[in-house]
Amino acid sequence: MSPENSRYRWFVVVVFFFFILLHQTDKLMIGSLQVQISEDFQINNTQWGLVNSGALIVATILYPVWGYLYDRYARAKLLGIASFIWGATTWLNAIVRTFGGFLATRASTGIDDSSYPGVYTLIADYFGPNLRGKIYGILQLAQPLGYLLGTILALMVAPAIGGWRNVFFITGGLGIVIAVLIFSFVKDMPRGKAEPEFENMPEMQTFKFSWAEVKEIFKKKTMWFIFLQGFAGVFPWTVITYFFFGYLETERGYDADGILFTMAPVILILAGSYFLGGFLGDLAFKRTNKGRIIVSSIGVLMGAIFMYFALNTPIEAQNQFFIFMCLTAIFMALSSPNVIATVYDVTVPEIRSTAQATSYFIENAGAAFAPIITGVIADAIDLKTAILLICTIAWGLCFFLYLGAIFTIDKDANDLRNQMAERAKGM
């Protein structure tokens, strides 16, 4: 089937949806396993923070490497290899019996956590700019659904099949299956194929990686606002991922059933927020280049406000807490698909993986510190204070950085469209 075929394009979306789903299940499930794993290895919150920071540090270091490789070589083949690495290293998590071994093998899963730029840039060459927000929103539905699946595996399946180690065997095996599927059936597309300036062209010029174009990334003011908000914005996500379930259990007194029945609806709403954010971003983008940024700024501001209310709700007021968490979930993911789409709105096709990898490199630099800082604050005060401080301060900072991007996006987006138009004339 031709890569240009509409049905095949959606087949690729489905494959990468499950790729992200499995990755996120493993990555986010560990938060639900905090108490079980901590008891097995007899570790405190600070050590738990180190476990989660390890994979983030490895991913951060490798983002520039993967970004460069994705811009130079066949992205589909590289993504197949990345999925295989993830599956194999996840098995290693289940095998080790010491805290040091678990710390090292968990860190090794970060080798392929840097794979997402390859996914999103390949998809960008299947779908044009007016659809990318929606498509990225669909793909990112897999993140909260992975969170939910991970929660179910951790709280319900793990006890039934002999503990958390067997869950890692299952997810790792599925990762290898996805690796074979990607390697065998997903095809690359010419870089820039879906740009509107190249529509209906029988042949596409091959745009090759250029260090000169890489330098241009850092001359775009919009990208700097994206970079900085990414560094700040990843703190709340990291804290919620790795510590929130532990907070519910240890400080609000929820048992496994209480956690599941409270958080499952919240996670499902969060899933809808990704698609809603992409839909609203595409809709607003058709009216103005500022559209995606405006949607993103509203999302982080309202997310911070409702998270503040949720964490300051009395422990006995469980219904009120649930409502505020649902409201938080509606807004907190609105920015995610729009940030990715914005990167591609201002960068040329042949260096988009590098641009996205740079953004993720900076994000992960923040993410790597977040669990350690959270653990230290939690051990010194409590988890509630740690989560509250990090979420409200970081999202508030993101809001002001998005306001800055509103004043720069028009120039940077128009410059890209003019550049694409000039290339089209030369073909």
Protein backbone atom coordinates (compact mmCIF):
# COMPACT_ATOMS: atom_id res chain seq x y z
CA MET A 1 0.00 0.00 0.00
CA SER A 2 1.33 3.44 -0.95
CA PRO A 3 2.47 5.75 1.90
CA GLU A 4 0.31 8.47 0.36
CA ASN A 5 -2.78 6.27 0.72
CA SER A 6 -5.16 7.72 3.32
CA ARG A 7 -5.88 4.32 4.91
CA TYR A 8 -2.19 3.57 5.20
CA ARG A 9 -1.57 6.95 6.88
CA TRP A 10 -4.07 6.02 9.56
CA PHE A 11 -2.51 2.58 9.91
CA VAL A 12 0.77 4.36 10.74
CA VAL A 13 -1.05 6.52 13.30
CA VAL A 14 -2.51 3.39 14.94
CA VAL A 15 0.89 1.67 15.10
CA PHE A 16 2.50 4.66 16.76
CA PHE A 17 -0.49 5.09 19.06
CA PHE A 18 0.23 1.64 20.50
CA PHE A 19 3.96 2.37 20.50
CA ILE A 20 3.35 5.42 22.71
CA LEU A 21 0.69 3.59 24.75
CA LEU A 22 3.09 0.82 25.76
CA HIS A 23 5.92 3.25 26.47
CA GLN A 24 3.70 5.39 28.64
CA THR A 25 2.22 2.37 30.40
CA ASP A 26 5.69 1.32 31.50
CA LYS A 27 6.91 4.83 32.18
CA LEU A 28 3.86 5.94 34.16
CA MET A 29 2.99 2.63 35.80
CA ILE A 30 6.01 2.89 38.05
CA GLY A 31 4.33 5.75 39.93
CA SER A 32 1.54 3.38 40.96
CA LEU A 33 4.17 0.83 42.00
CA GLN A 34 6.03 3.24 44.27
CA VAL A 35 4.94 1.67 47.53
CA GLN A 36 5.49 -1.93 46.34
CA ILE A 37 8.96 -1.31 44.89
CA SER A 38 10.05 0.92 47.78
CA GLU A 39 9.11 -1.79 50.27
CA ASP A 40 10.96 -4.46 48.26
CA PHE A 41 14.19 -2.45 48.16
CA GLN A 42 13.66 -0.60 51.48
CA ILE A 43 14.16 2.90 50.01
CA ASN A 44 12.91 6.39 50.95
CA ASN A 45 11.39 9.20 48.84
CA THR A 46 14.79 10.65 47.94
CA GLN A 47 16.05 7.27 46.67
CA TRP A 48 12.78 6.81 44.80
CA GLY A 49 13.41 10.16 43.16
CA LEU A 50 16.85 8.93 42.05
CA VAL A 51 15.28 5.85 40.43
CA ASN A 52 13.04 7.99 38.28
CA SER A 53 15.68 10.62 37.58
CA GLY A 54 18.08 8.00 36.21
CA ALA A 55 16.05 7.22 33.07
CA LEU A 56 15.38 10.91 32.55
CA ILE A 57 19.09 11.76 32.73
CA VAL A 58 19.98 9.03 30.20
CA ALA A 59 17.20 10.21 27.87
CA THR A 60 18.35 13.81 28.21
CA ILE A 61 21.91 12.94 27.22
CA LEU A 62 20.75 10.92 24.20
CA TYR A 63 18.11 13.31 22.81
CA PRO A 64 20.61 15.21 20.61
CA VAL A 65 22.02 11.90 19.35
CA TRP A 66 18.62 10.48 18.42
CA GLY A 67 17.50 13.80 16.93
CA TYR A 68 20.54 13.87 14.64
CA LEU A 69 20.02 10.23 13.61
CA TYR A 70 16.33 10.77 12.85
CA ASP A 71 17.15 13.70 10.58
CA ARG A 72 19.88 11.76 8.74
CA TYR A 73 18.52 8.21 8.41
CA ALA A 74 15.29 6.23 8.00
CA ARG A 75 13.11 7.12 10.97
CA ALA A 76 10.90 4.03 10.82
CA LYS A 77 13.85 1.63 11.09
CA LEU A 78 15.37 3.61 13.95
CA LEU A 79 12.04 3.63 15.79
CA GLY A 80 11.83 -0.15 15.44
CA ILE A 81 15.29 -0.47 16.97
CA ALA A 82 14.34 1.94 19.76
CA SER A 83 11.26 -0.08 20.66
CA PHE A 84 13.32 -3.27 20.80
CA ILE A 85 15.82 -1.61 23.16
CA TRP A 86 12.99 -0.49 25.40
CA GLY A 87 11.46 -3.97 25.57
CA ALA A 88 14.80 -5.60 26.39
CA THR A 89 15.77 -3.09 29.10
CA THR A 90 12.31 -3.41 30.68
CA TRP A 91 12.96 -7.14 31.08
CA LEU A 92 16.19 -6.27 32.90
CA ASN A 93 14.14 -4.23 35.41
CA ALA A 94 12.30 -7.40 36.36
CA ILE A 95 15.39 -9.56 36.73
CA VAL A 96 17.61 -7.59 39.13
CA ARG A 97 17.39 -8.16 42.88
CA THR A 98 19.31 -5.22 44.39
CA PHE A 99 18.51 -1.53 44.61
CA GLY A 100 21.72 -0.65 42.77
CA GLY A 101 20.84 -3.06 39.97
CA PHE A 102 17.31 -1.71 39.72
CA LEU A 103 18.63 1.87 39.67
CA ALA A 104 20.98 1.01 36.79
CA THR A 105 18.52 -1.03 34.71
CA ARG A 106 15.73 1.50 35.18
CA ALA A 107 18.11 4.18 33.96
CA SER A 108 18.81 2.06 30.87
CA THR A 109 15.16 2.33 29.78
CA GLY A 110 15.92 5.98 29.07
CA ILE A 111 17.98 4.91 26.03
CA ASP A 112 14.85 4.84 23.91
CA ASP A 113 12.83 7.46 25.78
CA SER A 114 14.43 9.89 23.34
CA SER A 115 12.52 8.33 20.41
CA TYR A 116 9.53 10.65 20.26
CA PRO A 117 11.05 13.25 17.88
CA GLY A 118 11.25 10.49 15.27
CA VAL A 119 7.57 9.63 15.76
CA TYR A 120 6.29 13.18 15.51
CA THR A 121 8.46 14.26 12.58
CA LEU A 122 7.54 11.17 10.57
CA ILE A 123 3.85 11.85 11.25
CA ALA A 124 4.40 15.49 10.19
CA ASP A 125 5.38 14.20 6.75
CA TYR A 126 2.14 12.20 6.51
CA PHE A 127 -0.20 15.04 7.62
CA GLY A 128 -0.17 18.77 6.80
CA PRO A 129 0.06 21.65 9.34
CA ASN A 130 -3.71 22.21 9.60
CA LEU A 131 -4.23 18.62 10.80
CA ARG A 132 -1.14 18.08 12.95
CA GLY A 133 -2.63 19.35 16.18
CA LYS A 134 -5.50 16.86 15.95
CA ILE A 135 -3.21 13.98 14.97
CA TYR A 136 -0.77 14.76 17.79
CA GLY A 137 -3.73 15.02 20.13
CA ILE A 138 -4.86 11.53 19.06
CA LEU A 139 -1.35 10.14 19.54
CA GLN A 140 -1.05 11.78 22.92
CA LEU A 141 -4.29 10.20 24.04
CA ALA A 142 -2.03 7.22 24.51
CA GLN A 143 -0.18 8.94 27.35
CA PRO A 144 -3.04 9.16 29.88
CA LEU A 145 -4.51 5.89 28.62
CA GLY A 146 -1.10 4.37 29.27
CA TYR A 147 -1.26 5.94 32.71
CA LEU A 148 -4.64 4.28 33.30
CA LEU A 149 -3.49 0.95 31.91
CA GLY A 150 -0.37 1.16 34.05
CA THR A 151 -2.49 1.91 37.11
CA ILE A 152 -4.67 -1.14 36.46
CA LEU A 153 -1.62 -3.34 35.89
CA ALA A 154 0.03 -2.04 39.08
CA LEU A 155 -2.94 -2.12 41.42
CA MET A 156 -5.01 -5.05 40.11
CA VAL A 157 -2.96 -7.26 37.80
CA ALA A 158 0.39 -7.24 39.62
CA PRO A 159 -0.96 -8.77 42.87
CA ALA A 160 -2.80 -11.43 40.84
CA ILE A 161 0.23 -12.56 38.80
CA GLY A 162 2.91 -12.60 41.45
CA GLY A 163 4.01 -8.99 41.78
CA TRP A 164 5.41 -6.03 39.87
CA ARG A 165 8.27 -7.95 38.23
CA ASN A 166 5.91 -10.05 36.12
CA VAL A 167 4.18 -6.91 34.89
CA PHE A 168 7.51 -5.67 33.53
CA PHE A 169 7.97 -8.98 31.70
CA ILE A 170 4.61 -8.47 29.99
CA THR A 171 5.16 -4.86 28.94
CA GLY A 172 8.71 -5.56 27.79
CA GLY A 173 7.52 -8.44 25.60
CA LEU A 174 4.84 -6.29 24.00
CA GLY A 175 7.49 -3.66 23.28
CA ILE A 176 9.44 -6.19 21.23
CA VAL A 177 6.27 -7.13 19.30
CA ILE A 178 5.71 -3.45 18.43
CA ALA A 179 9.36 -3.20 17.37
CA VAL A 180 8.87 -5.97 14.80
CA LEU A 181 5.65 -4.33 13.56
CA ILE A 182 7.29 -0.92 13.04
CA PHE A 183 10.42 -2.34 11.45
CA SER A 184 8.46 -4.51 9.02
CA PHE A 185 5.45 -2.39 8.00
CA VAL A 186 6.00 1.34 8.63
CA LYS A 187 7.49 3.27 5.70
CA ASP A 188 9.38 6.55 5.73
CA MET A 189 8.09 9.60 3.87
CA PRO A 190 10.16 12.29 2.09
CA ARG A 191 10.85 15.10 4.53
CA GLY A 192 8.47 17.99 3.87
CA LYS A 193 6.05 15.88 1.79
CA ALA A 194 2.94 17.13 3.62
CA GLU A 195 3.79 20.85 3.48
CA PRO A 196 1.04 22.73 1.56
CA GLU A 197 3.57 24.29 -0.81
CA PHE A 198 4.49 20.83 -2.12
CA GLU A 199 0.97 19.49 -2.63
CA ASN A 200 0.28 17.72 -5.92
CA MET A 201 3.94 17.64 -6.89
CA PRO A 202 4.71 14.36 -8.67
CA GLU A 203 8.26 14.30 -7.32
CA MET A 204 9.74 15.59 -4.11
CA GLN A 205 13.20 17.02 -3.73
CA THR A 206 15.10 15.34 -0.94
CA PHE A 207 15.90 17.88 1.75
CA LYS A 208 19.06 16.88 3.56
CA PHE A 209 20.16 17.62 7.10
CA SER A 210 22.03 20.92 7.33
CA TRP A 211 24.01 22.32 10.24
CA ALA A 212 23.30 25.79 8.87
CA GLU A 213 19.57 25.17 9.32
CA VAL A 214 20.19 23.78 12.81
CA LYS A 215 21.79 27.11 13.73
CA GLU A 216 18.63 28.86 12.50
CA ILE A 217 16.62 27.08 15.22
CA PHE A 218 18.33 29.18 17.86
CA LYS A 219 17.68 32.43 15.99
CA LYS A 220 13.92 32.01 16.26
CA LYS A 221 12.58 33.75 19.35
CA THR A 222 9.51 31.51 19.45
CA MET A 223 11.72 28.46 19.90
CA TRP A 224 13.39 30.00 22.95
CA PHE A 225 10.01 30.54 24.58
CA ILE A 226 9.13 26.92 23.73
CA PHE A 227 12.43 25.70 25.17
CA LEU A 228 12.05 27.62 28.43
CA GLN A 229 8.40 26.70 29.00
CA GLY A 230 9.34 23.08 28.35
CA PHE A 231 11.96 23.18 31.09
CA ALA A 232 9.45 24.59 33.57
CA GLY A 233 6.36 22.76 32.32
CA VAL A 234 7.81 19.29 32.69
CA PHE A 235 8.22 19.68 36.46
CA PRO A 236 4.48 19.26 37.27
CA TRP A 237 4.08 16.33 34.87
CA THR A 238 7.06 14.54 36.35
CA VAL A 239 5.92 15.11 39.92
CA ILE A 240 2.38 13.91 39.18
CA THR A 241 3.67 10.86 37.32
CA TYR A 242 6.04 9.60 39.98
CA PHE A 243 4.61 10.87 43.26
CA PHE A 244 0.87 11.53 43.04
CA PHE A 245 -0.29 7.98 43.62
CA GLY A 246 2.02 7.70 46.58
CA TYR A 247 0.56 10.97 47.91
CA LEU A 248 -2.98 9.61 47.62
CA GLU A 249 -2.04 6.47 49.52
CA THR A 250 0.23 7.84 52.24
CA GLU A 251 -1.19 11.32 52.91
CA ARG A 252 -4.85 11.15 51.88
CA GLY A 253 -5.40 7.56 53.06
CA TYR A 254 -6.69 6.02 49.80
CA ASP A 255 -6.51 2.26 49.36
CA ALA A 256 -5.91 0.62 45.96
CA ASP A 257 -9.61 0.65 45.04
CA GLY A 258 -9.99 4.26 46.15
CA ILE A 259 -7.01 5.32 44.04
CA LEU A 260 -8.28 3.47 40.99
CA PHE A 261 -11.88 4.68 41.18
CA THR A 262 -10.79 8.25 41.84
CA MET A 263 -8.04 8.53 39.28
CA ALA A 264 -9.47 6.43 36.43
CA PRO A 265 -12.10 9.08 35.51
CA VAL A 266 -9.49 11.82 35.96
CA ILE A 267 -7.11 10.05 33.57
CA LEU A 268 -9.88 9.50 30.99
CA ILE A 269 -10.71 13.22 31.14
CA LEU A 270 -7.01 13.96 30.76
CA ALA A 271 -6.99 11.78 27.62
CA GLY A 272 -9.79 13.85 26.18
CA SER A 273 -7.84 17.00 27.03
CA TYR A 274 -5.05 16.01 24.64
CA PHE A 275 -7.44 15.66 21.72
CA LEU A 276 -9.38 18.77 22.77
CA GLY A 277 -6.14 20.74 22.91
CA GLY A 278 -5.12 19.59 19.43
CA PHE A 279 -8.61 20.29 18.03
CA LEU A 280 -8.81 23.77 19.57
CA GLY A 281 -5.22 24.52 18.56
CA ASP A 282 -5.85 23.60 14.90
CA LEU A 283 -9.09 25.59 14.92
CA ALA A 284 -7.42 28.67 16.39
CA PHE A 285 -4.37 28.26 14.13
CA LYS A 286 -6.58 28.56 11.04
CA ARG A 287 -7.56 32.04 12.28
CA THR A 288 -4.17 33.22 13.52
CA ASN A 289 -0.62 31.94 13.95
CA LYS A 290 -1.05 32.78 17.64
CA GLY A 291 -3.87 30.24 18.03
CA ARG A 292 -1.91 27.29 19.38
CA ILE A 293 -0.06 29.52 21.87
CA ILE A 294 -3.30 31.08 23.17
CA VAL A 295 -4.83 27.64 23.78
CA SER A 296 -1.65 26.52 25.54
CA SER A 297 -1.52 29.55 27.84
CA ILE A 298 -5.13 29.06 28.95
CA GLY A 299 -4.43 25.40 29.66
CA VAL A 300 -1.46 25.87 32.00
CA LEU A 301 -3.05 28.79 33.86
CA MET A 302 -6.31 27.00 34.61
CA GLY A 303 -4.49 23.74 35.37
CA ALA A 304 -2.40 25.50 38.03
CA ILE A 305 -5.46 27.12 39.62
CA PHE A 306 -7.49 23.92 39.90
CA MET A 307 -4.51 21.87 41.10
CA TYR A 308 -4.04 24.42 43.90
CA PHE A 309 -7.68 24.04 44.91
CA ALA A 310 -7.49 20.23 44.75
CA LEU A 311 -4.43 19.89 46.98
CA ASN A 312 -5.86 22.33 49.53
CA THR A 313 -9.13 20.42 49.78
CA PRO A 314 -9.62 18.78 53.21
CA ILE A 315 -8.87 15.06 53.26
CA GLU A 316 -12.41 14.18 54.29
CA ALA A 317 -13.92 16.15 51.35
CA GLN A 318 -13.27 13.40 48.80
CA ASN A 319 -16.01 14.47 46.36
CA GLN A 320 -14.71 18.03 46.27
CA PHE A 321 -11.17 16.76 45.73
CA PHE A 322 -12.38 14.57 42.86
CA ILE A 323 -14.16 17.49 41.16
CA PHE A 324 -11.10 19.73 41.33
CA MET A 325 -8.88 16.96 39.96
CA CYS A 326 -11.30 16.47 37.04
CA LEU A 327 -11.20 20.21 36.32
CA THR A 328 -7.39 20.11 36.48
CA ALA A 329 -7.37 17.24 33.98
CA ILE A 330 -9.54 19.17 31.50
CA PHE A 331 -6.94 21.93 31.17
CA MET A 332 -3.53 20.49 31.99
CA ALA A 333 -2.96 18.71 28.64
CA LEU A 334 -4.29 21.39 26.28
CA SER A 335 -0.79 22.66 25.55
CA SER A 336 0.93 19.34 24.81
CA PRO A 337 -0.08 18.74 21.14
CA ASN A 338 0.16 22.45 20.40
CA VAL A 339 3.75 22.77 21.59
CA ILE A 340 4.86 20.01 19.22
CA ALA A 341 2.88 21.50 16.33
CA THR A 342 4.33 24.96 17.06
CA VAL A 343 7.89 23.62 16.75
CA TYR A 344 7.02 22.37 13.26
CA ASP A 345 5.23 25.63 12.43
CA VAL A 346 8.56 27.47 12.58
CA THR A 347 11.23 24.92 11.51
CA VAL A 348 12.14 23.41 8.12
CA PRO A 349 11.38 19.69 7.56
CA GLU A 350 14.95 18.37 7.37
CA ILE A 351 15.92 19.46 10.89
CA ARG A 352 12.62 19.00 12.74
CA SER A 353 13.80 15.94 14.64
CA THR A 354 16.80 17.92 15.84
CA ALA A 355 14.56 20.86 16.81
CA GLN A 356 12.17 18.58 18.68
CA ALA A 357 15.06 16.69 20.27
CA THR A 358 16.54 19.98 21.46
CA SER A 359 13.20 20.89 23.02
CA TYR A 360 12.98 17.48 24.70
CA PHE A 361 16.62 17.73 25.80
CA ILE A 362 15.81 20.91 27.70
CA GLU A 363 12.55 19.43 29.02
CA ASN A 364 14.28 16.33 30.28
CA ALA A 365 16.94 18.43 31.94
CA GLY A 366 14.11 19.81 34.04
CA ALA A 367 12.45 16.42 34.40
CA ALA A 368 15.69 14.87 35.66
CA PHE A 369 15.83 17.32 38.57
CA ALA A 370 12.13 17.22 39.40
CA PRO A 371 11.95 13.81 41.16
CA ILE A 372 15.03 14.55 43.27
CA ILE A 373 13.77 17.99 44.30
CA THR A 374 10.33 16.57 45.02
CA GLY A 375 11.78 13.76 47.11
CA VAL A 376 13.92 16.16 49.15
CA ILE A 377 10.97 18.53 49.83
CA ALA A 378 8.69 15.58 50.64
CA ASP A 379 11.17 14.10 53.14
CA ALA A 380 11.72 17.54 54.70
CA ILE A 381 8.04 18.61 54.84
CA ASP A 382 5.46 16.40 53.10
CA LEU A 383 4.38 15.27 49.62
CA LYS A 384 1.45 17.67 49.46
CA THR A 385 3.72 20.68 49.87
CA ALA A 386 6.20 19.34 47.32
CA ILE A 387 3.53 18.72 44.68
CA LEU A 388 1.73 22.01 45.38
CA LEU A 389 4.82 24.19 45.15
CA ILE A 390 6.19 22.60 42.01
CA CYS A 391 2.90 22.46 40.08
CA THR A 392 1.68 25.99 40.77
CA ILE A 393 5.04 27.76 40.38
CA ALA A 394 6.06 25.88 37.22
CA TRP A 395 2.72 26.24 35.41
CA GLY A 396 2.53 29.90 36.38
CA LEU A 397 5.94 30.44 34.80
CA CYS A 398 4.80 28.61 31.65
CA PHE A 399 1.85 30.99 31.35
CA PHE A 400 4.13 34.03 31.19
CA LEU A 401 6.47 32.36 28.72
CA TYR A 402 3.54 31.60 26.42
CA LEU A 403 2.58 35.27 26.59
CA GLY A 404 6.05 36.06 25.28
CA ALA A 405 5.64 33.63 22.38
CA ILE A 406 2.43 35.37 21.32
CA PHE A 407 4.56 38.36 20.23
CA THR A 408 7.07 36.30 18.19
CA ILE A 409 5.11 33.50 16.53
CA ASP A 410 3.77 35.54 13.59
CA LYS A 411 7.19 36.45 12.25
CA ASP A 412 8.71 32.99 12.73
CA ALA A 413 5.74 31.13 11.19
CA ASN A 414 5.52 33.49 8.21
CA ASP A 415 9.27 33.18 7.62
CA LEU A 416 8.89 29.39 7.33
CA ARG A 417 5.99 29.59 4.88
CA ASN A 418 7.94 32.05 2.73
CA GLN A 419 10.93 29.70 2.79
CA MET A 420 8.77 26.73 1.74
CA ALA A 421 7.22 28.79 -1.07
CA GLU A 422 10.68 29.66 -2.40
CA ARG A 423 11.68 26.00 -2.35
CA ALA A 424 8.53 25.04 -4.24
CA LYS A 425 9.31 27.55 -6.98
CA GLY A 426 12.76 26.03 -7.40
CA MET A 427 11.46 22.48 -8.02
